[in-house]
Amino acid sequence: MEGWDPNTKSTLTQIPLLTTKAGPRDGAPWTARLKEEYKSLIAYTQMNKSNDNDWFRISASNPEGTRWTGKCWYVYNLLKYEFDLQFDIPVTYPSTAPELELPQLDGKTQKMYRGGKICLTVHFKPLWAKN
């Protein structure tokens, strides 16, 4: 957590840490990791709601927990912009970050790739690497 601002550090200390290093191909350890992921997501969502900073809903779309879908939104000038969110957990997870997709934004910005995938090399990967 070196180099992070105090607000980010404070937020992270309120979210349960993930201790199981397992991916979708690991069987029982993956199930344990998935439970940890859910606990962290629930804690983060509750924290956001209590701080009036709610901005996404997400859930696993399949029993294996490898496909996730949901909604994310942003309020700008009192207008709410809502987008579909989807991603697949890569088989090399947690070493590899998932590719987040916002299909409605496909081709509308330089930070997006075909299918609405968010550019990971410059915009998201540095954050993932810190964790």
N, C-alpha and C. Protein backbone atom coordinates (compact mmCIF):
# COMPACT_ATOMS: atom_id res chain seq x y z
N MET A 1 0.81 -1.20 0.00
CA MET A 1 0.00 0.00 0.00
C MET A 1 0.85 1.26 0.00
N GLU A 2 2.12 1.07 -0.25
CA GLU A 2 3.00 2.24 -0.30
C GLU A 2 2.65 3.11 -1.50
N GLY A 3 2.69 4.39 -1.31
CA GLY A 3 2.43 5.32 -2.40
C GLY A 3 0.95 5.63 -2.61
N TRP A 4 0.07 5.05 -1.82
CA TRP A 4 -1.36 5.32 -1.96
C TRP A 4 -1.75 6.45 -1.01
N ASP A 5 -2.78 7.19 -1.41
CA ASP A 5 -3.24 8.29 -0.56
C ASP A 5 -3.97 7.72 0.66
N PRO A 6 -4.06 8.50 1.74
CA PRO A 6 -4.69 8.02 2.98
C PRO A 6 -6.14 7.55 2.81
N ASN A 7 -6.89 8.20 1.92
CA ASN A 7 -8.28 7.81 1.70
C ASN A 7 -8.37 6.40 1.10
N THR A 8 -7.50 6.10 0.14
CA THR A 8 -7.49 4.77 -0.47
C THR A 8 -7.08 3.72 0.56
N LYS A 9 -6.07 4.03 1.36
CA LYS A 9 -5.63 3.10 2.40
C LYS A 9 -6.76 2.83 3.39
N SER A 10 -7.47 3.87 3.77
CA SER A 10 -8.57 3.73 4.71
C SER A 10 -9.67 2.82 4.13
N THR A 11 -9.96 3.00 2.87
CA THR A 11 -10.97 2.17 2.20
C THR A 11 -10.54 0.71 2.19
N LEU A 12 -9.29 0.46 1.82
CA LEU A 12 -8.80 -0.91 1.71
C LEU A 12 -8.76 -1.63 3.06
N THR A 13 -8.53 -0.91 4.13
CA THR A 13 -8.49 -1.57 5.44
C THR A 13 -9.87 -2.05 5.88
N GLN A 14 -10.93 -1.54 5.26
CA GLN A 14 -12.29 -1.94 5.62
C GLN A 14 -12.80 -3.12 4.80
N ILE A 15 -12.02 -3.55 3.81
CA ILE A 15 -12.42 -4.65 2.94
C ILE A 15 -11.64 -5.90 3.34
N PRO A 16 -12.32 -7.05 3.51
CA PRO A 16 -11.60 -8.28 3.87
C PRO A 16 -10.56 -8.65 2.82
N LEU A 17 -9.38 -9.03 3.27
CA LEU A 17 -8.31 -9.42 2.35
C LEU A 17 -8.57 -10.80 1.77
N LEU A 18 -8.09 -10.99 0.55
CA LEU A 18 -8.19 -12.28 -0.11
C LEU A 18 -6.90 -13.04 0.17
N THR A 19 -7.00 -14.20 0.80
CA THR A 19 -5.81 -14.95 1.19
C THR A 19 -5.57 -16.18 0.34
N THR A 20 -6.59 -16.68 -0.31
CA THR A 20 -6.47 -17.89 -1.12
C THR A 20 -6.04 -17.51 -2.53
N LYS A 21 -4.91 -18.05 -2.94
CA LYS A 21 -4.43 -17.78 -4.31
C LYS A 21 -4.81 -18.97 -5.17
N ALA A 22 -5.94 -18.86 -5.84
CA ALA A 22 -6.44 -19.96 -6.67
C ALA A 22 -7.19 -19.40 -7.86
N GLY A 23 -7.19 -20.15 -8.94
CA GLY A 23 -7.90 -19.77 -10.15
C GLY A 23 -8.97 -20.80 -10.50
N PRO A 24 -9.70 -20.55 -11.57
CA PRO A 24 -10.82 -21.42 -11.96
C PRO A 24 -10.46 -22.89 -12.19
N ARG A 25 -9.22 -23.19 -12.48
CA ARG A 25 -8.83 -24.58 -12.73
C ARG A 25 -8.40 -25.32 -11.46
N ASP A 26 -8.45 -24.66 -10.31
CA ASP A 26 -7.90 -25.25 -9.08
C ASP A 26 -8.89 -26.03 -8.22
N GLY A 27 -10.13 -26.19 -8.65
CA GLY A 27 -11.10 -27.00 -7.92
C GLY A 27 -11.54 -26.38 -6.61
N ALA A 28 -11.36 -27.13 -5.51
CA ALA A 28 -11.82 -26.69 -4.19
C ALA A 28 -11.20 -25.36 -3.74
N PRO A 29 -9.90 -25.15 -3.97
CA PRO A 29 -9.35 -23.84 -3.58
C PRO A 29 -10.03 -22.68 -4.32
N TRP A 30 -10.46 -22.91 -5.56
CA TRP A 30 -11.17 -21.86 -6.31
C TRP A 30 -12.49 -21.53 -5.62
N THR A 31 -13.17 -22.53 -5.11
CA THR A 31 -14.43 -22.30 -4.40
C THR A 31 -14.18 -21.45 -3.16
N ALA A 32 -13.09 -21.73 -2.45
CA ALA A 32 -12.73 -20.92 -1.28
C ALA A 32 -12.41 -19.49 -1.70
N ARG A 33 -11.68 -19.33 -2.79
CA ARG A 33 -11.34 -17.99 -3.29
C ARG A 33 -12.60 -17.24 -3.68
N LEU A 34 -13.54 -17.94 -4.33
CA LEU A 34 -14.79 -17.32 -4.75
C LEU A 34 -15.58 -16.80 -3.54
N LYS A 35 -15.59 -17.56 -2.45
CA LYS A 35 -16.26 -17.12 -1.23
C LYS A 35 -15.59 -15.85 -0.68
N GLU A 36 -14.27 -15.81 -0.72
CA GLU A 36 -13.55 -14.61 -0.28
C GLU A 36 -13.89 -13.41 -1.17
N GLU A 37 -13.97 -13.67 -2.48
CA GLU A 37 -14.32 -12.59 -3.42
C GLU A 37 -15.70 -12.02 -3.09
N TYR A 38 -16.66 -12.92 -2.85
CA TYR A 38 -18.02 -12.47 -2.51
C TYR A 38 -18.03 -11.65 -1.22
N LYS A 39 -17.30 -12.10 -0.19
CA LYS A 39 -17.25 -11.36 1.07
C LYS A 39 -16.68 -9.96 0.86
N SER A 40 -15.63 -9.86 0.05
CA SER A 40 -15.03 -8.55 -0.22
C SER A 40 -15.97 -7.66 -1.01
N LEU A 41 -16.63 -8.23 -2.02
CA LEU A 41 -17.59 -7.46 -2.81
C LEU A 41 -18.75 -6.95 -1.96
N ILE A 42 -19.24 -7.81 -1.09
CA ILE A 42 -20.35 -7.41 -0.21
C ILE A 42 -19.91 -6.29 0.72
N ALA A 43 -18.73 -6.43 1.32
CA ALA A 43 -18.22 -5.39 2.23
C ALA A 43 -18.02 -4.07 1.48
N TYR A 44 -17.45 -4.14 0.28
CA TYR A 44 -17.20 -2.92 -0.50
C TYR A 44 -18.51 -2.26 -0.91
N THR A 45 -19.47 -3.05 -1.33
CA THR A 45 -20.78 -2.51 -1.73
C THR A 45 -21.48 -1.86 -0.54
N GLN A 46 -21.47 -2.51 0.61
CA GLN A 46 -22.09 -1.94 1.81
C GLN A 46 -21.40 -0.64 2.22
N MET A 47 -20.08 -0.61 2.13
CA MET A 47 -19.33 0.59 2.46
C MET A 47 -19.70 1.73 1.51
N ASN A 48 -19.79 1.43 0.23
CA ASN A 48 -20.17 2.45 -0.75
C ASN A 48 -21.59 2.98 -0.49
N LYS A 49 -22.51 2.09 -0.19
CA LYS A 49 -23.89 2.52 0.10
C LYS A 49 -23.93 3.42 1.32
N SER A 50 -23.19 3.06 2.36
CA SER A 50 -23.21 3.87 3.58
C SER A 50 -22.57 5.24 3.36
N ASN A 51 -21.66 5.35 2.39
CA ASN A 51 -21.02 6.63 2.07
C ASN A 51 -21.68 7.34 0.91
N ASP A 52 -22.84 6.86 0.49
CA ASP A 52 -23.59 7.42 -0.64
C ASP A 52 -22.70 7.50 -1.89
N ASN A 53 -21.98 6.41 -2.12
CA ASN A 53 -21.07 6.33 -3.26
C ASN A 53 -21.30 5.04 -4.04
N ASP A 54 -22.54 4.62 -4.14
CA ASP A 54 -22.91 3.39 -4.81
C ASP A 54 -22.77 3.58 -6.32
N TRP A 55 -22.03 2.69 -7.01
CA TRP A 55 -21.81 2.90 -8.44
C TRP A 55 -21.84 1.63 -9.29
N PHE A 56 -22.08 0.46 -8.69
CA PHE A 56 -22.14 -0.75 -9.50
C PHE A 56 -22.93 -1.86 -8.81
N ARG A 57 -23.40 -2.80 -9.61
CA ARG A 57 -23.99 -4.06 -9.16
C ARG A 57 -23.37 -5.15 -10.01
N ILE A 58 -22.99 -6.25 -9.40
CA ILE A 58 -22.33 -7.31 -10.14
C ILE A 58 -22.63 -8.65 -9.49
N SER A 59 -22.72 -9.69 -10.29
CA SER A 59 -22.92 -11.03 -9.76
C SER A 59 -22.41 -12.06 -10.77
N ALA A 60 -22.09 -13.23 -10.26
CA ALA A 60 -21.64 -14.31 -11.13
C ALA A 60 -22.81 -14.79 -11.97
N SER A 61 -22.54 -15.04 -13.24
CA SER A 61 -23.59 -15.47 -14.17
C SER A 61 -23.64 -16.98 -14.33
N ASN A 62 -22.62 -17.67 -13.84
CA ASN A 62 -22.61 -19.12 -13.93
C ASN A 62 -22.20 -19.71 -12.58
N PRO A 63 -22.53 -20.97 -12.34
CA PRO A 63 -22.22 -21.58 -11.03
C PRO A 63 -20.72 -21.65 -10.72
N GLU A 64 -19.88 -21.70 -11.76
CA GLU A 64 -18.44 -21.79 -11.54
C GLU A 64 -17.82 -20.47 -11.12
N GLY A 65 -18.55 -19.37 -11.30
CA GLY A 65 -18.03 -18.05 -10.94
C GLY A 65 -16.98 -17.53 -11.90
N THR A 66 -17.04 -17.96 -13.15
CA THR A 66 -16.05 -17.51 -14.13
C THR A 66 -16.61 -16.46 -15.09
N ARG A 67 -17.90 -16.25 -15.09
CA ARG A 67 -18.54 -15.22 -15.94
C ARG A 67 -19.33 -14.31 -15.02
N TRP A 68 -19.08 -13.00 -15.11
CA TRP A 68 -19.74 -12.03 -14.25
C TRP A 68 -20.44 -10.98 -15.10
N THR A 69 -21.60 -10.55 -14.66
CA THR A 69 -22.35 -9.50 -15.35
C THR A 69 -22.95 -8.55 -14.32
N GLY A 70 -23.31 -7.38 -14.79
CA GLY A 70 -23.92 -6.41 -13.89
C GLY A 70 -24.11 -5.08 -14.57
N LYS A 71 -24.23 -4.06 -13.75
CA LYS A 71 -24.43 -2.68 -14.21
C LYS A 71 -23.46 -1.79 -13.45
N CYS A 72 -23.02 -0.74 -14.11
CA CYS A 72 -22.27 0.32 -13.44
C CYS A 72 -22.84 1.64 -13.92
N TRP A 73 -22.71 2.66 -13.12
CA TRP A 73 -23.28 3.94 -13.51
C TRP A 73 -22.43 5.09 -13.01
N TYR A 74 -22.69 6.23 -13.64
CA TYR A 74 -21.96 7.46 -13.31
C TYR A 74 -22.96 8.61 -13.42
N VAL A 75 -22.94 9.51 -12.44
CA VAL A 75 -23.83 10.66 -12.46
C VAL A 75 -23.00 11.88 -12.82
N TYR A 76 -23.44 12.59 -13.86
CA TYR A 76 -22.75 13.78 -14.34
C TYR A 76 -23.79 14.83 -14.67
N ASN A 77 -23.66 16.02 -14.08
CA ASN A 77 -24.62 17.11 -14.27
C ASN A 77 -26.06 16.64 -14.00
N LEU A 78 -26.22 15.91 -12.91
CA LEU A 78 -27.51 15.40 -12.45
C LEU A 78 -28.15 14.41 -13.43
N LEU A 79 -27.38 13.88 -14.36
CA LEU A 79 -27.86 12.84 -15.26
C LEU A 79 -27.14 11.54 -14.94
N LYS A 80 -27.89 10.47 -14.86
CA LYS A 80 -27.31 9.17 -14.55
C LYS A 80 -27.07 8.40 -15.85
N TYR A 81 -25.83 8.00 -16.06
CA TYR A 81 -25.46 7.20 -17.22
C TYR A 81 -25.20 5.78 -16.73
N GLU A 82 -25.96 4.84 -17.24
CA GLU A 82 -25.87 3.45 -16.78
C GLU A 82 -25.40 2.55 -17.92
N PHE A 83 -24.50 1.63 -17.60
CA PHE A 83 -23.91 0.76 -18.61
C PHE A 83 -23.92 -0.69 -18.15
N ASP A 84 -24.05 -1.59 -19.11
CA ASP A 84 -23.89 -3.01 -18.82
C ASP A 84 -22.41 -3.27 -18.59
N LEU A 85 -22.11 -4.15 -17.65
CA LEU A 85 -20.74 -4.53 -17.33
C LEU A 85 -20.65 -6.04 -17.40
N GLN A 86 -19.60 -6.55 -18.02
CA GLN A 86 -19.41 -7.99 -18.08
C GLN A 86 -17.93 -8.32 -18.17
N PHE A 87 -17.57 -9.49 -17.67
CA PHE A 87 -16.20 -9.97 -17.82
C PHE A 87 -16.13 -11.44 -17.49
N ASP A 88 -15.09 -12.07 -18.02
CA ASP A 88 -14.79 -13.47 -17.73
C ASP A 88 -13.53 -13.51 -16.88
N ILE A 89 -13.50 -14.44 -15.93
CA ILE A 89 -12.31 -14.63 -15.11
C ILE A 89 -11.33 -15.46 -15.93
N PRO A 90 -10.11 -14.95 -16.19
CA PRO A 90 -9.15 -15.73 -16.97
C PRO A 90 -8.67 -16.96 -16.20
N VAL A 91 -8.27 -18.00 -16.93
CA VAL A 91 -7.82 -19.23 -16.27
C VAL A 91 -6.57 -18.99 -15.44
N THR A 92 -5.81 -17.95 -15.73
CA THR A 92 -4.60 -17.65 -14.98
C THR A 92 -4.85 -16.67 -13.83
N TYR A 93 -6.11 -16.39 -13.52
CA TYR A 93 -6.49 -15.53 -12.41
C TYR A 93 -6.00 -16.17 -11.12
N PRO A 94 -5.51 -15.47 -10.14
CA PRO A 94 -5.47 -14.03 -9.93
C PRO A 94 -4.21 -13.35 -10.46
N SER A 95 -3.32 -14.10 -11.13
CA SER A 95 -2.12 -13.48 -11.70
C SER A 95 -2.45 -12.55 -12.85
N THR A 96 -3.54 -12.82 -13.55
CA THR A 96 -3.95 -12.01 -14.69
C THR A 96 -5.26 -11.31 -14.36
N ALA A 97 -5.33 -10.03 -14.65
CA ALA A 97 -6.55 -9.25 -14.40
C ALA A 97 -7.64 -9.62 -15.41
N PRO A 98 -8.90 -9.60 -14.99
CA PRO A 98 -9.98 -9.81 -15.95
C PRO A 98 -10.10 -8.62 -16.90
N GLU A 99 -10.59 -8.87 -18.11
CA GLU A 99 -10.81 -7.80 -19.08
C GLU A 99 -12.24 -7.30 -18.93
N LEU A 100 -12.39 -6.13 -18.36
CA LEU A 100 -13.71 -5.54 -18.14
C LEU A 100 -14.29 -5.06 -19.46
N GLU A 101 -15.58 -5.32 -19.67
CA GLU A 101 -16.24 -4.94 -20.91
C GLU A 101 -17.47 -4.08 -20.63
N LEU A 102 -17.56 -2.97 -21.33
CA LEU A 102 -18.74 -2.11 -21.33
C LEU A 102 -19.22 -2.06 -22.78
N PRO A 103 -20.01 -3.05 -23.22
CA PRO A 103 -20.36 -3.18 -24.64
C PRO A 103 -20.99 -1.94 -25.26
N GLN A 104 -21.74 -1.17 -24.50
CA GLN A 104 -22.40 0.03 -25.04
C GLN A 104 -21.41 1.12 -25.44
N LEU A 105 -20.17 1.05 -24.93
CA LEU A 105 -19.17 2.06 -25.25
C LEU A 105 -18.21 1.61 -26.34
N ASP A 106 -18.51 0.51 -26.98
CA ASP A 106 -17.66 -0.04 -28.03
C ASP A 106 -17.38 1.01 -29.11
N GLY A 107 -16.10 1.34 -29.29
CA GLY A 107 -15.69 2.27 -30.33
C GLY A 107 -15.92 3.74 -30.05
N LYS A 108 -16.35 4.08 -28.86
CA LYS A 108 -16.67 5.48 -28.56
C LYS A 108 -15.55 6.25 -27.89
N THR A 109 -14.48 5.57 -27.50
CA THR A 109 -13.35 6.24 -26.88
C THR A 109 -12.07 5.46 -27.17
N GLN A 110 -10.93 6.12 -27.10
CA GLN A 110 -9.64 5.47 -27.35
C GLN A 110 -9.29 4.46 -26.27
N LYS A 111 -9.92 4.56 -25.12
CA LYS A 111 -9.60 3.67 -24.02
C LYS A 111 -10.36 2.35 -24.11
N MET A 112 -11.07 2.13 -25.22
CA MET A 112 -11.86 0.92 -25.39
C MET A 112 -11.33 0.13 -26.58
N TYR A 113 -11.46 -1.18 -26.49
CA TYR A 113 -11.13 -2.06 -27.60
C TYR A 113 -12.41 -2.68 -28.14
N ARG A 114 -12.28 -3.46 -29.20
CA ARG A 114 -13.43 -4.11 -29.80
C ARG A 114 -14.22 -4.89 -28.75
N GLY A 115 -15.52 -4.75 -28.78
CA GLY A 115 -16.38 -5.40 -27.81
C GLY A 115 -16.58 -4.59 -26.54
N GLY A 116 -16.00 -3.40 -26.47
CA GLY A 116 -16.16 -2.56 -25.30
C GLY A 116 -15.20 -2.89 -24.18
N LYS A 117 -14.11 -3.61 -24.49
CA LYS A 117 -13.13 -3.94 -23.47
C LYS A 117 -12.31 -2.70 -23.12
N ILE A 118 -12.10 -2.50 -21.83
CA ILE A 118 -11.34 -1.36 -21.34
C ILE A 118 -9.85 -1.64 -21.55
N CYS A 119 -9.12 -0.65 -22.01
CA CYS A 119 -7.68 -0.76 -22.23
C CYS A 119 -7.00 -1.06 -20.90
N LEU A 120 -6.36 -2.21 -20.82
CA LEU A 120 -5.73 -2.61 -19.57
C LEU A 120 -4.28 -2.19 -19.46
N THR A 121 -3.60 -2.00 -20.58
CA THR A 121 -2.17 -1.77 -20.53
C THR A 121 -1.82 -0.46 -19.84
N VAL A 122 -2.51 0.61 -20.15
CA VAL A 122 -2.16 1.92 -19.61
C VAL A 122 -3.08 2.32 -18.47
N HIS A 123 -4.34 1.92 -18.51
CA HIS A 123 -5.33 2.46 -17.59
C HIS A 123 -5.67 1.58 -16.40
N PHE A 124 -5.63 0.27 -16.55
CA PHE A 124 -6.07 -0.59 -15.47
C PHE A 124 -4.96 -1.48 -14.92
N LYS A 125 -4.07 -1.92 -15.77
CA LYS A 125 -3.03 -2.85 -15.35
C LYS A 125 -2.15 -2.31 -14.22
N PRO A 126 -1.74 -1.03 -14.25
CA PRO A 126 -0.92 -0.52 -13.14
C PRO A 126 -1.63 -0.66 -11.78
N LEU A 127 -2.95 -0.46 -11.76
CA LEU A 127 -3.69 -0.62 -10.50
C LEU A 127 -3.73 -2.08 -10.07
N TRP A 128 -3.94 -2.98 -11.04
CA TRP A 128 -4.01 -4.41 -10.74
C TRP A 128 -2.65 -4.90 -10.23
N ALA A 129 -1.58 -4.42 -10.82
CA ALA A 129 -0.24 -4.86 -10.44
C ALA A 129 0.08 -4.50 -8.99
N LYS A 130 -0.48 -3.41 -8.48
CA LYS A 130 -0.24 -3.01 -7.08
C LYS A 130 -0.85 -4.01 -6.11
N ASN A 131 -1.90 -4.71 -6.53
CA ASN A 131 -2.59 -5.64 -5.65
C ASN A 131 -2.11 -7.04 -5.87
